[in-house]
Amino acid sequence: MTARLHGDELTPHELVFDEPCTGLRTTVTLRPAPGGTDLTVHQKRLPPELRTTQAADGLAGILDALATHLMETR
């Protein structure tokens, strides 16, 4: 996948990128939280094939794997 990053739209704790084939826009926001950092993923223009339980479970699995990796490398 190739994505365009939108640097002019970013806050210091935000990453916004577009997937050009589907038009999907994903915004990842990081915020300080007690004991760590909260990560929020928000997606707009989600195509129908990504509005499934399987797709949601896949994204949740990726985020779980990221959390595990970050905890192991502390």
Protein backbone atom coordinates (compact mmCIF):
# COMPACT_ATOMS: atom_id res chain seq x y z
CA MET A 1 0.00 0.00 0.00
CA THR A 2 1.22 3.50 -0.79
CA ALA A 3 -0.10 6.29 1.37
CA ARG A 4 0.29 10.04 1.27
CA LEU A 5 1.12 11.72 4.57
CA HIS A 6 -0.46 15.07 5.30
CA GLY A 7 2.15 17.05 7.23
CA ASP A 8 0.31 20.36 6.96
CA GLU A 9 -2.72 18.89 8.76
CA LEU A 10 -0.86 17.29 11.65
CA THR A 11 -0.68 18.16 15.30
CA PRO A 12 2.49 17.03 17.11
CA HIS A 13 0.71 13.81 18.16
CA GLU A 14 -1.16 12.94 14.97
CA LEU A 15 -0.46 11.02 11.79
CA VAL A 16 -2.90 11.32 8.87
CA PHE A 17 -2.58 9.30 5.68
CA ASP A 18 -4.68 8.50 2.64
CA GLU A 19 -4.74 5.26 0.70
CA PRO A 20 -5.03 6.46 -2.92
CA CYS A 21 -6.75 3.40 -4.41
CA THR A 22 -9.70 3.35 -2.00
CA GLY A 23 -9.70 6.94 -0.71
CA LEU A 24 -9.53 5.63 2.85
CA ARG A 25 -8.19 8.24 5.27
CA THR A 26 -6.67 7.00 8.52
CA THR A 27 -5.83 9.28 11.43
CA VAL A 28 -3.67 7.96 14.27
CA THR A 29 -3.61 10.11 17.41
CA LEU A 30 -1.27 9.63 20.37
CA ARG A 31 -2.14 11.16 23.76
CA PRO A 32 -0.37 10.90 27.10
CA ALA A 33 -2.19 8.69 29.58
CA PRO A 34 -1.43 7.52 33.12
CA GLY A 35 1.24 4.85 32.81
CA GLY A 36 1.70 5.22 29.05
CA THR A 37 0.12 6.53 25.88
CA ASP A 38 -3.34 6.17 24.37
CA LEU A 39 -3.41 5.45 20.63
CA THR A 40 -6.63 6.14 18.71
CA VAL A 41 -7.23 5.08 15.10
CA HIS A 42 -10.02 6.81 13.19
CA GLN A 43 -10.88 5.92 9.59
CA LYS A 44 -13.03 7.84 7.10
CA ARG A 45 -14.33 6.78 3.69
CA LEU A 46 -14.00 3.14 4.67
CA PRO A 47 -14.91 0.98 1.65
CA PRO A 48 -17.60 -1.68 2.18
CA GLU A 49 -15.11 -4.56 2.05
CA LEU A 50 -13.37 -3.12 5.12
CA ARG A 51 -16.60 -2.70 7.12
CA THR A 52 -16.65 -6.31 8.21
CA THR A 53 -16.09 -8.01 11.53
CA GLN A 54 -13.08 -9.78 10.00
CA ALA A 55 -11.48 -6.44 9.00
CA ALA A 56 -12.17 -4.93 12.45
CA ASP A 57 -10.67 -8.01 14.09
CA GLY A 58 -7.62 -7.71 11.85
CA LEU A 59 -7.02 -4.09 12.86
CA ALA A 60 -7.54 -4.98 16.53
CA GLY A 61 -4.98 -7.78 16.15
CA ILE A 62 -2.44 -5.39 14.65
CA LEU A 63 -2.94 -2.93 17.51
CA ASP A 64 -2.68 -5.72 20.08
CA ALA A 65 0.58 -6.91 18.50
CA LEU A 66 1.93 -3.35 18.56
CA ALA A 67 1.04 -2.99 22.26
CA THR A 68 2.74 -6.30 23.06
CA HIS A 69 5.86 -5.31 21.15
CA LEU A 70 6.06 -1.93 22.87
CA MET A 71 5.63 -3.49 26.31
CA GLU A 72 8.39 -6.02 25.58
CA THR A 73 10.83 -3.33 24.43
CA ARG A 74 10.36 -1.05 27.45
